[in-house]
Amino acid sequence: MPPDAVFTSAPVLVLSGTLDSLTPARQCADAAALFANAQQIPVANSFQVTALDEQDYCASVIVRNFVKDLDPGDTACAAHRRSEDCP
């Protein structure tokens, strides 16, 4: 990354799957730290593209709330997602 890189101050949402081996949560946290107004939400028992591979409508609701209001709303479901809820 160029040393003079500039990142937006707009709100940024970073979803990370706790079981994602391609982009681990630590890398997502590092990416989120580049943005002044970012928040990372780890989604339990989830992999890549958490908002697309779900059956319990947790991550997709968070994304829709964020796009609509620039706020993810209640994210408690992300921490409590059970493995039996996953595809």
C-alpha atoms as a PDB file:
ATOM      1  CA  MET A   1       0.000   0.000   0.000  1.00  0.00           C
ATOM      2  CA  PRO A   2       1.391   3.434  -0.872  1.00  0.00           C
ATOM      3  CA  PRO A   3       2.497   5.427   2.179  1.00  0.00           C
ATOM      4  CA  ASP A   4       0.326   8.364   1.077  1.00  0.00           C
ATOM      5  CA  ALA A   5      -2.850   6.280   0.653  1.00  0.00           C
ATOM      6  CA  VAL A   6      -5.991   8.116   1.722  1.00  0.00           C
ATOM      7  CA  PHE A   7      -9.028   6.263   3.029  1.00  0.00           C
ATOM      8  CA  THR A   8     -12.583   7.500   3.202  1.00  0.00           C
ATOM      9  CA  SER A   9     -14.053   8.902   6.371  1.00  0.00           C
ATOM     10  CA  ALA A  10     -17.468   7.573   5.312  1.00  0.00           C
ATOM     11  CA  PRO A  11     -18.950   4.810   7.475  1.00  0.00           C
ATOM     12  CA  VAL A  12     -17.525   1.396   6.596  1.00  0.00           C
ATOM     13  CA  LEU A  13     -18.884  -1.987   7.641  1.00  0.00           C
ATOM     14  CA  VAL A  14     -16.536  -4.983   7.775  1.00  0.00           C
ATOM     15  CA  LEU A  15     -18.163  -8.368   8.352  1.00  0.00           C
ATOM     16  CA  SER A  16     -15.801 -11.197   9.162  1.00  0.00           C
ATOM     17  CA  GLY A  17     -16.587 -14.871   9.512  1.00  0.00           C
ATOM     18  CA  THR A  18     -14.979 -16.420  12.564  1.00  0.00           C
ATOM     19  CA  LEU A  19     -14.232 -19.580  10.541  1.00  0.00           C
ATOM     20  CA  ASP A  20     -12.840 -17.754   7.503  1.00  0.00           C
ATOM     21  CA  SER A  21      -9.350 -19.055   6.769  1.00  0.00           C
ATOM     22  CA  LEU A  22      -8.861 -16.908   3.641  1.00  0.00           C
ATOM     23  CA  THR A  23      -9.378 -13.570   5.377  1.00  0.00           C
ATOM     24  CA  PRO A  24      -9.067 -14.183   9.121  1.00  0.00           C
ATOM     25  CA  ALA A  25     -10.715 -11.828  11.598  1.00  0.00           C
ATOM     26  CA  ARG A  26      -7.320 -10.270  12.450  1.00  0.00           C
ATOM     27  CA  GLN A  27      -6.831  -9.208   8.818  1.00  0.00           C
ATOM     28  CA  CYS A  28     -10.359  -7.785   8.765  1.00  0.00           C
ATOM     29  CA  ALA A  29      -9.570  -5.807  11.907  1.00  0.00           C
ATOM     30  CA  ASP A  30      -6.399  -4.482  10.261  1.00  0.00           C
ATOM     31  CA  ALA A  31      -8.417  -3.437   7.201  1.00  0.00           C
ATOM     32  CA  ALA A  32     -11.090  -1.770   9.335  1.00  0.00           C
ATOM     33  CA  ALA A  33      -8.392   0.150  11.219  1.00  0.00           C
ATOM     34  CA  LEU A  34      -7.467   1.945   7.984  1.00  0.00           C
ATOM     35  CA  PHE A  35     -10.811   3.756   7.976  1.00  0.00           C
ATOM     36  CA  ALA A  36     -11.674   6.455  10.503  1.00  0.00           C
ATOM     37  CA  ASN A  37     -15.319   5.446  10.720  1.00  0.00           C
ATOM     38  CA  ALA A  38     -15.242   1.669  10.336  1.00  0.00           C
ATOM     39  CA  GLN A  39     -16.668  -1.071  12.454  1.00  0.00           C
ATOM     40  CA  GLN A  40     -15.917  -4.756  12.244  1.00  0.00           C
ATOM     41  CA  ILE A  41     -18.573  -7.286  13.165  1.00  0.00           C
ATOM     42  CA  PRO A  42     -17.364 -10.878  13.526  1.00  0.00           C
ATOM     43  CA  VAL A  43     -20.073 -13.375  12.554  1.00  0.00           C
ATOM     44  CA  ALA A  44     -19.802 -16.575  14.599  1.00  0.00           C
ATOM     45  CA  ASN A  45     -19.549 -19.904  12.765  1.00  0.00           C
ATOM     46  CA  SER A  46     -19.359 -18.232   9.367  1.00  0.00           C
ATOM     47  CA  PHE A  47     -16.948 -18.258   6.451  1.00  0.00           C
ATOM     48  CA  GLN A  48     -16.352 -15.938   3.451  1.00  0.00           C
ATOM     49  CA  VAL A  49     -19.194 -13.746   2.170  1.00  0.00           C
ATOM     50  CA  THR A  50     -21.147 -14.047   5.404  1.00  0.00           C
ATOM     51  CA  ALA A  51     -24.164 -12.094   4.153  1.00  0.00           C
ATOM     52  CA  LEU A  52     -24.685 -14.376   1.153  1.00  0.00           C
ATOM     53  CA  ASP A  53     -24.215 -17.875   2.559  1.00  0.00           C
ATOM     54  CA  GLU A  54     -26.586 -17.676   5.480  1.00  0.00           C
ATOM     55  CA  GLN A  55     -29.893 -19.239   6.332  1.00  0.00           C
ATOM     56  CA  ASP A  56     -30.663 -17.385   9.558  1.00  0.00           C
ATOM     57  CA  TYR A  57     -30.832 -13.855   8.110  1.00  0.00           C
ATOM     58  CA  CYS A  58     -28.354 -12.351  10.527  1.00  0.00           C
ATOM     59  CA  ALA A  59     -25.557 -10.876   8.400  1.00  0.00           C
ATOM     60  CA  SER A  60     -27.861  -9.877   5.550  1.00  0.00           C
ATOM     61  CA  VAL A  61     -30.076  -7.922   7.963  1.00  0.00           C
ATOM     62  CA  ILE A  62     -26.996  -6.194   9.388  1.00  0.00           C
ATOM     63  CA  VAL A  63     -25.879  -5.245   5.869  1.00  0.00           C
ATOM     64  CA  ARG A  64     -29.335  -3.981   4.878  1.00  0.00           C
ATOM     65  CA  ASN A  65     -29.558  -1.876   8.044  1.00  0.00           C
ATOM     66  CA  PHE A  66     -26.107  -0.436   7.392  1.00  0.00           C
ATOM     67  CA  VAL A  67     -26.865   0.444   3.772  1.00  0.00           C
ATOM     68  CA  LYS A  68     -30.187   2.010   4.729  1.00  0.00           C
ATOM     69  CA  ASP A  69     -29.154   3.862   7.920  1.00  0.00           C
ATOM     70  CA  LEU A  70     -25.322   3.780   7.954  1.00  0.00           C
ATOM     71  CA  ASP A  71     -25.739   1.857  11.192  1.00  0.00           C
ATOM     72  CA  PRO A  72     -25.844  -1.932  11.498  1.00  0.00           C
ATOM     73  CA  GLY A  73     -28.505  -1.869  14.190  1.00  0.00           C
ATOM     74  CA  ASP A  74     -28.690  -4.761  16.628  1.00  0.00           C
ATOM     75  CA  THR A  75     -25.789  -7.114  15.888  1.00  0.00           C
ATOM     76  CA  ALA A  76     -26.315  -9.571  18.759  1.00  0.00           C
ATOM     77  CA  CYS A  77     -27.245 -12.320  16.297  1.00  0.00           C
ATOM     78  CA  ALA A  78     -23.689 -12.272  14.918  1.00  0.00           C
ATOM     79  CA  ALA A  79     -22.194 -13.359  18.217  1.00  0.00           C
ATOM     80  CA  HIS A  80     -24.807 -16.016  18.881  1.00  0.00           C
ATOM     81  CA  ARG A  81     -24.975 -17.718  15.490  1.00  0.00           C
ATOM     82  CA  ARG A  82     -24.962 -21.439  16.154  1.00  0.00           C
ATOM     83  CA  SER A  83     -23.174 -23.916  13.903  1.00  0.00           C
ATOM     84  CA  GLU A  84     -26.440 -25.794  13.281  1.00  0.00           C
ATOM     85  CA  ASP A  85     -27.887 -22.594  11.766  1.00  0.00           C
ATOM     86  CA  CYS A  86     -25.187 -22.534   9.111  1.00  0.00           C
ATOM     87  CA  PRO A  87     -25.440 -24.001   5.622  1.00  0.00           C
END
